[in-house]
C-alpha cells in the first residue's frame, strides 16, 4: 500500500514539480530493468540527486544516502519517502551494507553513489569499490546514471537550491555481471569500475569530466 502511494501519487507530483522548476528530462529510462535486483550508480553532485532519480523511475528504488543529508528538515523526509536510507561515510557502515544486501536479495532496485559523497571539486571523483563489490557478490546488473545540471542548481556551499535550472539525467544500458566472491572480487572490481565510469563520462557535461579522462580522450 505504501509503495503504491509513493509510486502513483507522491512520485508523479514531485516529478511534475521538478519538471516545472528544473525542466527535468530523462533519457534511457527503458534501460532500467522492470523487475529483479539492480544497482543504479549515478554521479553525485547535489543533495537532491536521490529524489531526482527516484522521481523518474517507475519502480521503487532504495538509495544508500549520507546520513547527515537525511537530517536536513523537509529534504530528509522527502528523501526517506523515496526510499533513502542512511549510510555513515566514515568507516565501514555494516548496518547499511546488510540492509543493501537484504534489498538486493529481495529483488529490489538499489541506488548507490560510487563516489561516496557529493563532489566538492566540481569534477567526477574517484569511485569507491563498495557498490561494485555488492553487485558482483550476487551477479546483480549495474545501471550507470549521469546527472547533468544539478550541480548548478545546488552547488556545495550554497545553503538552499536555486528554484530554476535545467537538469538532464541519462540512464545507460545495464552492465551484467558474473556472480563472484572471495579473491576473484579483487580481479573483477577495477575493470567494472572503469566500465561504469566511462559510461557516466560519455554523457557528462564538460566541466564535470575529470582531467585524467580528458587526457585519455585526446
N, C-alpha and C. Protein backbone atom coordinates (compact mmCIF):
# COMPACT_ATOMS: atom_id res chain seq x y z
N UNK A 1 0.83 -1.20 0.00
CA UNK A 1 0.00 0.00 0.00
C UNK A 1 0.86 1.26 0.00
N UNK A 2 1.90 1.26 0.88
CA UNK A 2 2.77 2.44 0.97
C UNK A 2 3.53 2.64 -0.34
N UNK A 3 4.06 1.57 -0.92
CA UNK A 3 4.77 1.69 -2.19
C UNK A 3 3.85 2.20 -3.28
N UNK A 4 2.58 1.76 -3.27
CA UNK A 4 1.61 2.22 -4.27
C UNK A 4 1.42 3.73 -4.15
N UNK A 5 1.32 4.22 -2.93
CA UNK A 5 1.14 5.67 -2.72
C UNK A 5 2.36 6.45 -3.22
N UNK A 6 3.55 5.94 -2.88
CA UNK A 6 4.78 6.62 -3.30
C UNK A 6 4.88 6.66 -4.82
N UNK A 7 4.66 5.52 -5.46
CA UNK A 7 4.87 5.41 -6.91
C UNK A 7 3.78 6.09 -7.72
N UNK A 8 2.54 6.05 -7.23
CA UNK A 8 1.42 6.50 -8.05
C UNK A 8 0.84 7.86 -7.64
N UNK A 9 1.23 8.36 -6.48
CA UNK A 9 0.71 9.66 -6.05
C UNK A 9 1.86 10.64 -5.78
N UNK A 10 2.76 10.27 -4.87
CA UNK A 10 3.85 11.19 -4.50
C UNK A 10 4.82 11.40 -5.65
N UNK A 11 5.28 10.30 -6.27
CA UNK A 11 6.29 10.40 -7.33
C UNK A 11 5.84 11.29 -8.49
N UNK A 12 4.62 11.10 -9.05
CA UNK A 12 4.20 11.97 -10.15
C UNK A 12 4.13 13.45 -9.77
N UNK A 13 3.73 13.74 -8.53
CA UNK A 13 3.65 15.13 -8.09
C UNK A 13 5.05 15.75 -8.02
N UNK A 14 5.99 15.02 -7.40
CA UNK A 14 7.36 15.52 -7.30
C UNK A 14 7.99 15.66 -8.68
N UNK A 15 7.73 14.69 -9.55
CA UNK A 15 8.26 14.74 -10.92
C UNK A 15 7.74 15.98 -11.64
N UNK A 16 6.46 16.29 -11.49
CA UNK A 16 5.88 17.47 -12.13
C UNK A 16 6.52 18.75 -11.60
N UNK A 17 6.73 18.81 -10.28
CA UNK A 17 7.36 20.00 -9.68
C UNK A 17 8.76 20.19 -10.24
N UNK A 18 9.53 19.10 -10.32
CA UNK A 18 10.89 19.20 -10.85
C UNK A 18 10.89 19.56 -12.34
N UNK A 19 9.91 19.08 -13.07
CA UNK A 19 9.83 19.42 -14.48
C UNK A 19 9.57 20.92 -14.65
N UNK A 20 8.71 21.46 -13.82
CA UNK A 20 8.38 22.89 -13.89
C UNK A 20 9.55 23.75 -13.43
N UNK A 21 10.23 23.32 -12.37
CA UNK A 21 11.32 24.11 -11.81
C UNK A 21 12.62 23.97 -12.60
N UNK A 22 12.97 22.72 -12.93
CA UNK A 22 14.28 22.44 -13.49
C UNK A 22 14.25 21.88 -14.91
N UNK A 23 13.06 21.89 -15.54
CA UNK A 23 12.94 21.30 -16.88
C UNK A 23 13.54 19.89 -16.89
N UNK A 24 13.25 19.14 -15.83
CA UNK A 24 13.82 17.81 -15.65
C UNK A 24 13.51 16.91 -16.85
N UNK A 25 14.55 16.30 -17.39
CA UNK A 25 14.39 15.43 -18.56
C UNK A 25 15.15 14.13 -18.34
N UNK A 26 14.54 13.02 -18.73
CA UNK A 26 15.18 11.72 -18.59
C UNK A 26 15.42 11.11 -19.96
N UNK A 27 16.57 10.49 -20.12
CA UNK A 27 16.90 9.77 -21.35
C UNK A 27 17.35 8.35 -20.99
N UNK A 28 16.78 7.37 -21.67
CA UNK A 28 17.20 5.99 -21.47
C UNK A 28 16.50 5.27 -20.32
N UNK A 29 15.32 5.74 -19.93
CA UNK A 29 14.60 5.07 -18.83
C UNK A 29 14.29 3.61 -19.15
N UNK A 30 14.22 3.28 -20.43
CA UNK A 30 13.95 1.89 -20.82
C UNK A 30 15.09 0.95 -20.41
N UNK A 31 16.23 1.52 -20.02
CA UNK A 31 17.36 0.70 -19.60
C UNK A 31 17.25 0.20 -18.16
N UNK A 32 16.26 0.70 -17.41
CA UNK A 32 16.05 0.23 -16.05
C UNK A 32 15.26 -1.08 -16.12
N UNK A 33 15.81 -2.20 -15.64
CA UNK A 33 15.05 -3.45 -15.64
C UNK A 33 13.73 -3.29 -14.88
N UNK A 34 12.65 -3.83 -15.42
CA UNK A 34 11.33 -3.67 -14.81
C UNK A 34 11.20 -4.42 -13.50
N UNK A 35 11.99 -5.46 -13.33
CA UNK A 35 11.93 -6.23 -12.09
C UNK A 35 13.28 -6.88 -11.84
N UNK A 36 13.43 -7.41 -10.63
CA UNK A 36 14.68 -8.07 -10.26
C UNK A 36 15.68 -7.11 -9.67
N UNK A 37 16.65 -7.66 -8.97
CA UNK A 37 17.68 -6.84 -8.32
C UNK A 37 18.50 -6.08 -9.35
N UNK A 38 18.80 -4.82 -9.03
CA UNK A 38 19.64 -3.99 -9.89
C UNK A 38 20.27 -2.91 -9.02
N UNK A 39 21.52 -2.56 -9.34
CA UNK A 39 22.20 -1.47 -8.64
C UNK A 39 22.33 -0.31 -9.60
N UNK A 40 21.81 0.84 -9.20
CA UNK A 40 21.84 2.06 -10.01
C UNK A 40 22.93 2.96 -9.46
N UNK A 41 23.87 3.39 -10.31
CA UNK A 41 25.05 4.12 -9.84
C UNK A 41 25.17 5.49 -10.52
N UNK A 42 24.55 6.53 -9.94
CA UNK A 42 24.68 7.87 -10.52
C UNK A 42 25.93 8.59 -9.99
N UNK A 43 26.41 9.56 -10.79
CA UNK A 43 27.37 10.51 -10.24
C UNK A 43 26.62 11.37 -9.22
N UNK A 44 27.37 11.96 -8.29
CA UNK A 44 26.72 12.64 -7.16
C UNK A 44 27.16 14.11 -7.10
N UNK A 45 26.21 15.01 -7.39
CA UNK A 45 26.55 16.43 -7.48
C UNK A 45 25.72 17.33 -6.56
N UNK A 46 24.62 16.81 -5.99
CA UNK A 46 23.78 17.66 -5.15
C UNK A 46 22.99 16.82 -4.15
N UNK A 47 22.45 17.50 -3.14
CA UNK A 47 21.64 16.82 -2.13
C UNK A 47 20.36 16.21 -2.72
N UNK A 48 19.87 16.77 -3.80
CA UNK A 48 18.59 16.30 -4.34
C UNK A 48 18.73 15.15 -5.34
N UNK A 49 19.95 14.66 -5.55
CA UNK A 49 20.15 13.59 -6.53
C UNK A 49 19.27 12.35 -6.31
N UNK A 50 19.17 11.83 -5.06
CA UNK A 50 18.31 10.64 -4.87
C UNK A 50 16.85 10.91 -5.23
N UNK A 51 16.38 12.12 -4.94
CA UNK A 51 14.98 12.45 -5.22
C UNK A 51 14.78 12.62 -6.72
N UNK A 52 15.75 13.24 -7.39
CA UNK A 52 15.66 13.42 -8.84
C UNK A 52 15.53 12.07 -9.55
N UNK A 53 16.44 11.15 -9.21
CA UNK A 53 16.44 9.84 -9.85
C UNK A 53 15.19 9.06 -9.46
N UNK A 54 14.82 9.11 -8.19
CA UNK A 54 13.65 8.38 -7.72
C UNK A 54 12.35 8.89 -8.32
N UNK A 55 12.30 10.17 -8.64
CA UNK A 55 11.09 10.74 -9.23
C UNK A 55 10.88 10.28 -10.68
N UNK A 56 11.95 9.85 -11.32
CA UNK A 56 11.87 9.46 -12.73
C UNK A 56 11.61 7.98 -12.94
N UNK A 57 12.07 7.15 -12.01
CA UNK A 57 11.97 5.71 -12.18
C UNK A 57 10.60 5.20 -11.70
N UNK A 58 9.96 4.40 -12.50
CA UNK A 58 8.59 3.96 -12.19
C UNK A 58 8.54 2.75 -11.25
N UNK A 59 9.68 2.23 -10.83
CA UNK A 59 9.68 1.17 -9.83
C UNK A 59 10.31 1.73 -8.55
N UNK A 60 10.05 1.11 -7.44
CA UNK A 60 10.57 1.56 -6.15
C UNK A 60 12.08 1.40 -6.14
N UNK A 61 12.78 2.44 -5.70
CA UNK A 61 14.23 2.38 -5.61
C UNK A 61 14.65 2.80 -4.20
N UNK A 62 15.63 2.10 -3.67
CA UNK A 62 16.12 2.36 -2.31
C UNK A 62 17.54 2.91 -2.41
N UNK A 63 17.73 4.16 -1.95
CA UNK A 63 19.00 4.85 -2.12
C UNK A 63 19.83 4.86 -0.85
N UNK A 64 21.06 4.35 -0.93
CA UNK A 64 22.01 4.50 0.15
C UNK A 64 22.46 5.96 0.16
N UNK A 65 22.13 6.68 1.24
CA UNK A 65 22.30 8.13 1.28
C UNK A 65 23.04 8.57 2.53
N UNK A 66 23.90 9.57 2.39
CA UNK A 66 24.66 10.12 3.50
C UNK A 66 23.73 10.43 4.67
N UNK A 67 24.04 9.91 5.85
CA UNK A 67 23.14 10.06 6.99
C UNK A 67 22.89 11.52 7.37
N UNK A 68 23.87 12.40 7.19
CA UNK A 68 23.69 13.81 7.54
C UNK A 68 22.69 14.50 6.62
N UNK A 69 22.63 14.06 5.37
CA UNK A 69 21.66 14.63 4.42
C UNK A 69 20.24 14.34 4.88
N UNK A 70 20.03 13.15 5.45
CA UNK A 70 18.69 12.76 5.86
C UNK A 70 18.24 13.47 7.13
N UNK A 71 19.15 14.22 7.75
CA UNK A 71 18.79 15.02 8.93
C UNK A 71 18.33 16.43 8.56
N UNK A 72 18.47 16.80 7.29
CA UNK A 72 18.05 18.13 6.85
C UNK A 72 16.53 18.20 6.85
N UNK A 73 15.94 19.20 7.52
CA UNK A 73 14.47 19.31 7.57
C UNK A 73 13.85 19.32 6.17
N UNK A 74 12.73 18.72 6.03
CA UNK A 74 11.95 18.61 4.78
C UNK A 74 12.68 17.73 3.75
N UNK A 75 13.90 18.12 3.38
CA UNK A 75 14.63 17.36 2.37
C UNK A 75 14.85 15.92 2.82
N UNK A 76 15.23 15.75 4.10
CA UNK A 76 15.46 14.40 4.62
C UNK A 76 14.18 13.57 4.62
N UNK A 77 13.06 14.21 4.95
CA UNK A 77 11.78 13.49 4.97
C UNK A 77 11.37 13.06 3.57
N UNK A 78 11.57 13.96 2.60
CA UNK A 78 11.24 13.62 1.21
C UNK A 78 12.14 12.49 0.73
N UNK A 79 13.43 12.58 1.08
CA UNK A 79 14.37 11.54 0.69
C UNK A 79 13.95 10.17 1.21
N UNK A 80 13.52 10.12 2.47
CA UNK A 80 13.08 8.85 3.04
C UNK A 80 11.82 8.33 2.35
N UNK A 81 10.94 9.24 1.96
CA UNK A 81 9.75 8.83 1.21
C UNK A 81 10.15 8.10 -0.07
N UNK A 82 11.24 8.56 -0.66
CA UNK A 82 11.70 7.97 -1.91
C UNK A 82 12.67 6.81 -1.69
N UNK A 83 12.69 6.29 -0.47
CA UNK A 83 13.46 5.07 -0.21
C UNK A 83 14.88 5.29 0.24
N UNK A 84 15.28 6.53 0.54
CA UNK A 84 16.64 6.78 1.01
C UNK A 84 16.83 6.19 2.40
N UNK A 85 17.96 5.55 2.62
CA UNK A 85 18.30 5.03 3.94
C UNK A 85 19.75 5.42 4.24
N UNK A 86 20.06 5.64 5.53
CA UNK A 86 21.34 6.27 5.88
C UNK A 86 22.55 5.36 5.79
N UNK A 87 23.68 6.00 5.44
CA UNK A 87 24.97 5.34 5.49
C UNK A 87 25.97 6.34 6.05
N UNK A 88 26.82 5.89 6.96
CA UNK A 88 27.87 6.75 7.50
C UNK A 88 29.05 6.73 6.53
N UNK A 89 29.53 7.91 6.16
CA UNK A 89 30.62 7.98 5.19
C UNK A 89 31.97 7.64 5.81
N UNK A 90 32.06 7.80 7.13
CA UNK A 90 33.31 7.49 7.80
C UNK A 90 33.31 6.01 8.23
N UNK A 91 34.36 5.31 7.85
CA UNK A 91 34.47 3.91 8.24
C UNK A 91 33.57 2.99 7.44
N UNK A 92 33.39 1.79 7.96
CA UNK A 92 32.59 0.77 7.27
C UNK A 92 31.25 0.63 7.99
N UNK A 93 30.18 1.03 7.34
CA UNK A 93 28.85 1.00 7.95
C UNK A 93 28.22 -0.37 7.68
N UNK A 94 28.41 -1.29 8.60
CA UNK A 94 27.93 -2.66 8.43
C UNK A 94 26.41 -2.74 8.29
N UNK A 95 25.71 -1.89 9.06
CA UNK A 95 24.24 -1.91 9.02
C UNK A 95 23.73 -1.53 7.63
N UNK A 96 24.31 -0.49 7.04
CA UNK A 96 23.90 -0.05 5.70
C UNK A 96 24.19 -1.12 4.67
N UNK A 97 25.33 -1.80 4.82
CA UNK A 97 25.70 -2.87 3.88
C UNK A 97 24.71 -4.03 3.99
N UNK A 98 24.38 -4.41 5.22
CA UNK A 98 23.44 -5.51 5.42
C UNK A 98 22.06 -5.19 4.86
N UNK A 99 21.63 -3.94 5.04
CA UNK A 99 20.33 -3.53 4.51
C UNK A 99 20.34 -3.56 2.99
N UNK A 100 21.44 -3.11 2.40
CA UNK A 100 21.57 -3.14 0.94
C UNK A 100 21.52 -4.57 0.43
N UNK A 101 22.23 -5.47 1.08
CA UNK A 101 22.22 -6.87 0.69
C UNK A 101 20.82 -7.47 0.79
N UNK A 102 20.07 -7.06 1.82
CA UNK A 102 18.70 -7.56 2.00
C UNK A 102 17.81 -7.07 0.88
N UNK A 103 17.95 -5.80 0.49
CA UNK A 103 17.16 -5.26 -0.62
C UNK A 103 17.45 -6.02 -1.92
N UNK A 104 18.72 -6.26 -2.19
CA UNK A 104 19.09 -6.95 -3.43
C UNK A 104 18.62 -8.39 -3.42
N UNK A 105 18.75 -9.04 -2.27
CA UNK A 105 18.29 -10.43 -2.15
C UNK A 105 16.79 -10.53 -2.39
N UNK A 106 16.05 -9.46 -2.02
CA UNK A 106 14.59 -9.43 -2.22
C UNK A 106 14.21 -9.01 -3.64
N UNK A 107 15.22 -8.77 -4.50
CA UNK A 107 14.95 -8.42 -5.89
C UNK A 107 14.61 -6.97 -6.12
N UNK A 108 15.09 -6.08 -5.25
CA UNK A 108 14.75 -4.67 -5.36
C UNK A 108 15.84 -3.88 -6.10
N UNK A 109 15.48 -2.65 -6.46
CA UNK A 109 16.43 -1.72 -7.08
C UNK A 109 17.08 -0.89 -5.99
N UNK A 110 18.40 -0.84 -6.00
CA UNK A 110 19.15 -0.07 -5.00
C UNK A 110 20.00 0.97 -5.71
N UNK A 111 19.99 2.19 -5.17
CA UNK A 111 20.84 3.25 -5.71
C UNK A 111 22.03 3.49 -4.80
N UNK A 112 23.22 3.48 -5.38
CA UNK A 112 24.45 3.74 -4.62
C UNK A 112 25.30 4.72 -5.42
N UNK A 113 25.74 5.79 -4.76
CA UNK A 113 26.63 6.76 -5.41
C UNK A 113 28.06 6.25 -5.30
N UNK A 114 28.67 5.85 -6.42
CA UNK A 114 30.00 5.24 -6.35
C UNK A 114 31.10 6.18 -5.88
N UNK A 115 30.86 7.50 -5.95
CA UNK A 115 31.86 8.45 -5.44
C UNK A 115 31.86 8.51 -3.92
N UNK A 116 30.81 7.98 -3.31
CA UNK A 116 30.69 8.01 -1.86
C UNK A 116 29.92 9.21 -1.37
N UNK A 117 30.33 10.40 -1.74
CA UNK A 117 29.63 11.64 -1.37
C UNK A 117 29.57 12.59 -2.54
N UNK A 118 28.95 13.74 -2.32
CA UNK A 118 28.88 14.73 -3.39
C UNK A 118 30.27 15.21 -3.77
N UNK A 119 30.45 15.51 -5.03
CA UNK A 119 31.72 16.08 -5.46
C UNK A 119 31.84 17.51 -4.92
N UNK A 120 32.98 17.79 -4.36
CA UNK A 120 33.27 19.15 -3.90
C UNK A 120 34.18 19.84 -4.90
N UNK A 121 34.93 19.05 -5.64
CA UNK A 121 35.90 19.59 -6.60
C UNK A 121 35.24 20.07 -7.89
N UNK A 122 33.96 19.75 -8.06
CA UNK A 122 33.19 20.04 -9.29
C UNK A 122 33.44 18.99 -10.36
N UNK A 123 34.45 18.15 -10.17
CA UNK A 123 34.76 17.08 -11.11
C UNK A 123 34.24 15.74 -10.58
N UNK A 124 34.07 14.77 -11.47
CA UNK A 124 33.71 13.41 -11.06
C UNK A 124 34.83 12.85 -10.19
N UNK A 125 34.49 12.47 -8.96
CA UNK A 125 35.50 11.96 -8.03
C UNK A 125 35.79 10.48 -8.29
N UNK A 126 36.93 9.98 -7.80
CA UNK A 126 37.24 8.54 -7.94
C UNK A 126 36.14 7.69 -7.30
N UNK A 127 35.91 6.51 -7.85
CA UNK A 127 34.87 5.61 -7.35
C UNK A 127 35.41 4.71 -6.24
N UNK A 128 34.55 4.49 -5.25
CA UNK A 128 34.87 3.53 -4.19
C UNK A 128 34.34 2.16 -4.61
N UNK A 129 34.91 1.09 -4.08
CA UNK A 129 34.57 -0.25 -4.58
C UNK A 129 33.27 -0.84 -4.03
N UNK A 130 32.66 -0.22 -3.00
CA UNK A 130 31.53 -0.84 -2.32
C UNK A 130 30.38 -1.28 -3.21
N UNK A 131 29.91 -0.39 -4.08
CA UNK A 131 28.77 -0.71 -4.95
C UNK A 131 29.09 -1.88 -5.86
N UNK A 132 30.32 -1.95 -6.32
CA UNK A 132 30.71 -2.97 -7.28
C UNK A 132 30.93 -4.32 -6.59
N UNK A 133 31.41 -4.25 -5.36
CA UNK A 133 31.57 -5.48 -4.59
C UNK A 133 30.21 -6.11 -4.31
N UNK A 134 29.23 -5.28 -3.92
CA UNK A 134 27.89 -5.78 -3.64
C UNK A 134 27.24 -6.36 -4.90
N UNK A 135 27.46 -5.72 -6.03
CA UNK A 135 26.88 -6.19 -7.29
C UNK A 135 27.48 -7.52 -7.73
N UNK A 136 28.79 -7.63 -7.63
CA UNK A 136 29.48 -8.84 -8.06
C UNK A 136 29.13 -10.04 -7.18
N UNK A 137 28.94 -9.80 -5.89
CA UNK A 137 28.66 -10.91 -4.98
C UNK A 137 27.34 -11.61 -5.29
N UNK A 138 26.44 -10.91 -5.95
CA UNK A 138 25.17 -11.55 -6.29
C UNK A 138 24.93 -11.63 -7.78
N UNK A 139 25.91 -11.20 -8.59
CA UNK A 139 25.71 -11.17 -10.03
C UNK A 139 24.60 -10.21 -10.41
N UNK A 140 24.54 -9.08 -9.71
CA UNK A 140 23.46 -8.09 -9.91
C UNK A 140 23.88 -7.07 -10.98
N UNK A 141 23.04 -6.82 -11.99
CA UNK A 141 23.40 -5.85 -13.02
C UNK A 141 23.50 -4.43 -12.47
N UNK A 142 24.35 -3.63 -13.11
CA UNK A 142 24.55 -2.23 -12.74
C UNK A 142 24.04 -1.34 -13.87
N UNK A 143 23.28 -0.30 -13.52
CA UNK A 143 22.86 0.70 -14.50
C UNK A 143 23.57 2.01 -14.15
N UNK A 144 24.58 2.42 -14.94
CA UNK A 144 25.23 3.70 -14.70
C UNK A 144 24.27 4.85 -15.04
N UNK A 145 24.37 5.93 -14.27
CA UNK A 145 23.47 7.08 -14.47
C UNK A 145 24.29 8.36 -14.45
N UNK A 146 24.04 9.23 -15.41
CA UNK A 146 24.71 10.53 -15.48
C UNK A 146 23.71 11.63 -15.14
N UNK A 147 24.06 12.45 -14.13
CA UNK A 147 23.22 13.59 -13.75
C UNK A 147 23.91 14.86 -14.20
N UNK A 148 23.28 15.60 -15.08
CA UNK A 148 23.80 16.88 -15.55
C UNK A 148 22.88 18.02 -15.11
N UNK A 149 23.48 19.11 -14.63
CA UNK A 149 22.71 20.30 -14.30
C UNK A 149 22.43 20.49 -12.83
N UNK A 150 22.42 19.40 -12.05
CA UNK A 150 22.08 19.51 -10.63
C UNK A 150 23.17 20.22 -9.83
N UNK A 151 24.41 20.16 -10.30
CA UNK A 151 25.49 20.87 -9.61
C UNK A 151 25.22 22.37 -9.61
N UNK A 152 24.76 22.88 -10.74
CA UNK A 152 24.47 24.32 -10.83
C UNK A 152 23.25 24.70 -10.01
N UNK A 153 22.30 23.79 -9.89
CA UNK A 153 21.09 24.07 -9.11
C UNK A 153 21.40 24.15 -7.61
N UNK A 154 22.30 23.25 -7.15
CA UNK A 154 22.62 23.25 -5.71
C UNK A 154 24.08 22.89 -5.50
N UNK A 155 24.98 23.84 -5.78
CA UNK A 155 26.41 23.57 -5.61
C UNK A 155 26.82 23.52 -4.15
N UNK A 156 27.96 22.88 -3.83
CA UNK A 156 28.45 22.84 -2.46
C UNK A 156 28.64 24.25 -1.91
N UNK A 157 28.30 24.44 -0.65
CA UNK A 157 28.45 25.74 -0.03
C UNK A 157 27.23 26.63 -0.13
N UNK A 158 26.30 26.27 -1.00
CA UNK A 158 25.07 27.06 -1.14
C UNK A 158 24.01 26.47 -0.22
N UNK A 159 23.42 27.29 0.65
CA UNK A 159 22.52 26.80 1.68
C UNK A 159 21.26 26.19 1.12
N UNK A 160 20.69 26.83 0.09
CA UNK A 160 19.44 26.35 -0.50
C UNK A 160 19.60 26.20 -2.01
N UNK A 161 18.82 25.30 -2.62
CA UNK A 161 18.91 25.16 -4.08
C UNK A 161 18.27 26.33 -4.81
N UNK A 162 18.71 26.54 -6.02
CA UNK A 162 18.04 27.52 -6.89
C UNK A 162 16.67 26.95 -7.27
N UNK A 163 15.76 27.81 -7.63
CA UNK A 163 14.41 27.36 -7.98
C UNK A 163 14.20 27.20 -9.47
N UNK A 164 15.26 27.44 -10.24
CA UNK A 164 15.18 27.25 -11.69
C UNK A 164 16.48 26.60 -12.16
N UNK A 165 16.45 26.06 -13.34
CA UNK A 165 17.64 25.44 -13.90
C UNK A 165 17.24 24.42 -14.96
N UNK A 166 18.22 23.67 -15.43
CA UNK A 166 17.98 22.63 -16.42
C UNK A 166 18.74 21.38 -16.00
N UNK A 167 18.00 20.30 -15.72
CA UNK A 167 18.61 19.05 -15.29
C UNK A 167 18.23 17.94 -16.26
N UNK A 168 19.24 17.23 -16.74
CA UNK A 168 19.03 16.09 -17.64
C UNK A 168 19.71 14.87 -17.03
N UNK A 169 19.00 13.75 -17.01
CA UNK A 169 19.55 12.53 -16.42
C UNK A 169 19.54 11.42 -17.47
N UNK A 170 20.71 10.80 -17.65
CA UNK A 170 20.87 9.72 -18.62
C UNK A 170 20.98 8.38 -17.89
N UNK A 171 20.15 7.43 -18.29
CA UNK A 171 20.19 6.07 -17.76
C UNK A 171 20.83 5.19 -18.84
N UNK A 172 22.02 4.70 -18.56
CA UNK A 172 22.78 3.95 -19.55
C UNK A 172 22.38 2.47 -19.55
N UNK A 173 22.70 1.75 -20.62
CA UNK A 173 22.37 0.32 -20.68
C UNK A 173 22.98 -0.45 -19.51
N UNK A 174 22.26 -1.45 -19.00
CA UNK A 174 22.77 -2.22 -17.87
C UNK A 174 24.06 -2.96 -18.20
N UNK A 175 24.90 -3.08 -17.21
CA UNK A 175 26.13 -3.87 -17.32
C UNK A 175 25.90 -5.14 -16.50
N UNK A 176 25.84 -6.28 -17.17
CA UNK A 176 25.55 -7.55 -16.50
C UNK A 176 26.85 -8.16 -15.98
N UNK A 177 26.80 -8.63 -14.75
CA UNK A 177 28.00 -9.10 -14.06
C UNK A 177 27.89 -10.57 -13.69
N UNK A 178 29.04 -11.24 -13.58
CA UNK A 178 29.05 -12.61 -13.07
C UNK A 178 28.88 -12.59 -11.55
N UNK A 179 28.52 -13.71 -11.00
CA UNK A 179 28.42 -13.84 -9.55
C UNK A 179 29.76 -14.37 -9.04
N UNK A 180 30.53 -13.47 -8.42
CA UNK A 180 31.86 -13.87 -7.94
C UNK A 180 32.02 -13.50 -6.47
N UNK A 181 32.96 -14.11 -5.82
CA UNK A 181 33.20 -13.82 -4.41
C UNK A 181 34.66 -14.10 -4.08
N UNK A 182 35.02 -13.79 -2.86
CA UNK A 182 36.37 -14.10 -2.39
C UNK A 182 37.45 -13.37 -3.16
N UNK A 183 38.53 -14.08 -3.45
CA UNK A 183 39.70 -13.47 -4.09
C UNK A 183 39.38 -12.95 -5.50
N UNK A 184 38.36 -13.52 -6.14
CA UNK A 184 38.02 -13.10 -7.50
C UNK A 184 37.53 -11.65 -7.55
N UNK A 185 36.97 -11.18 -6.44
CA UNK A 185 36.44 -9.81 -6.41
C UNK A 185 37.52 -8.79 -6.78
N UNK A 186 38.71 -8.96 -6.21
CA UNK A 186 39.80 -8.02 -6.47
C UNK A 186 40.17 -8.00 -7.94
N UNK A 187 39.98 -9.13 -8.58
CA UNK A 187 40.33 -9.22 -10.00
C UNK A 187 39.32 -8.49 -10.88
N UNK A 188 38.04 -8.58 -10.52
CA UNK A 188 36.97 -8.03 -11.35
C UNK A 188 36.70 -6.54 -11.10
N UNK A 189 36.82 -6.10 -9.85
CA UNK A 189 36.36 -4.76 -9.48
C UNK A 189 36.98 -3.63 -10.31
N UNK A 190 38.30 -3.57 -10.51
CA UNK A 190 38.87 -2.45 -11.27
C UNK A 190 38.28 -2.30 -12.67
N UNK A 191 38.09 -3.40 -13.37
CA UNK A 191 37.53 -3.34 -14.72
C UNK A 191 36.09 -2.86 -14.73
N UNK A 192 35.29 -3.32 -13.75
CA UNK A 192 33.90 -2.90 -13.67
C UNK A 192 33.81 -1.42 -13.33
N UNK A 193 34.65 -0.97 -12.40
CA UNK A 193 34.68 0.46 -12.04
C UNK A 193 34.95 1.30 -13.29
N UNK A 194 35.94 0.92 -14.06
CA UNK A 194 36.30 1.71 -15.24
C UNK A 194 35.17 1.69 -16.28
N UNK A 195 34.50 0.56 -16.42
CA UNK A 195 33.41 0.47 -17.40
C UNK A 195 32.25 1.38 -17.00
N UNK A 196 31.89 1.37 -15.72
CA UNK A 196 30.80 2.23 -15.23
C UNK A 196 31.21 3.69 -15.34
N UNK A 197 32.42 3.98 -14.96
CA UNK A 197 32.93 5.36 -15.01
C UNK A 197 32.88 5.91 -16.43
N UNK A 198 33.31 5.11 -17.40
CA UNK A 198 33.30 5.58 -18.79
C UNK A 198 31.88 5.77 -19.31
N UNK A 199 30.94 4.93 -18.87
CA UNK A 199 29.54 5.11 -19.26
C UNK A 199 29.02 6.45 -18.77
N UNK A 200 29.30 6.77 -17.50
CA UNK A 200 28.84 8.03 -16.93
C UNK A 200 29.50 9.22 -17.64
N UNK A 201 30.80 9.13 -17.88
CA UNK A 201 31.54 10.22 -18.53
C UNK A 201 31.05 10.45 -19.96
N UNK A 202 30.55 9.41 -20.62
CA UNK A 202 30.16 9.52 -22.03
C UNK A 202 29.08 10.57 -22.28
N UNK A 203 28.27 10.89 -21.25
CA UNK A 203 27.24 11.92 -21.42
C UNK A 203 27.37 13.01 -20.36
N UNK A 204 28.51 13.05 -19.66
CA UNK A 204 28.70 14.03 -18.59
C UNK A 204 29.05 15.40 -19.15
N UNK A 205 28.48 16.44 -18.55
CA UNK A 205 28.80 17.79 -19.02
C UNK A 205 30.29 18.06 -18.84
N UNK A 206 30.85 18.82 -19.77
CA UNK A 206 32.29 19.00 -19.89
C UNK A 206 32.96 19.42 -18.59
N UNK A 207 32.36 20.34 -17.86
CA UNK A 207 33.01 20.89 -16.67
C UNK A 207 33.13 19.87 -15.53
N UNK A 208 32.36 18.78 -15.59
CA UNK A 208 32.42 17.75 -14.54
C UNK A 208 33.38 16.61 -14.86
N UNK A 209 33.85 16.57 -16.11
CA UNK A 209 34.72 15.47 -16.53
C UNK A 209 36.10 15.64 -15.89
N UNK A 210 36.60 14.62 -15.18
CA UNK A 210 37.92 14.73 -14.55
C UNK A 210 39.03 14.86 -15.59
N UNK A 211 40.11 15.51 -15.19
CA UNK A 211 41.20 15.80 -16.12
C UNK A 211 41.82 14.55 -16.71
N UNK A 212 41.93 13.47 -15.92
CA UNK A 212 42.55 12.26 -16.45
C UNK A 212 41.73 11.65 -17.55
N UNK A 213 40.39 11.80 -17.50
CA UNK A 213 39.52 11.28 -18.55
C UNK A 213 39.67 12.10 -19.83
N UNK A 214 39.88 13.41 -19.69
CA UNK A 214 40.08 14.25 -20.86
C UNK A 214 41.38 13.89 -21.56
N UNK A 215 42.41 13.57 -20.76
CA UNK A 215 43.68 13.18 -21.34
C UNK A 215 43.55 11.91 -22.16
N UNK A 216 42.76 10.93 -21.64
CA UNK A 216 42.56 9.65 -22.34
C UNK A 216 41.85 9.85 -23.66
N UNK A 217 40.91 10.84 -23.70
CA UNK A 217 40.11 11.01 -24.91
C UNK A 217 40.83 11.76 -26.00
N UNK A 218 41.99 12.38 -25.68
CA UNK A 218 42.74 13.16 -26.68
C UNK A 218 43.46 12.22 -27.65
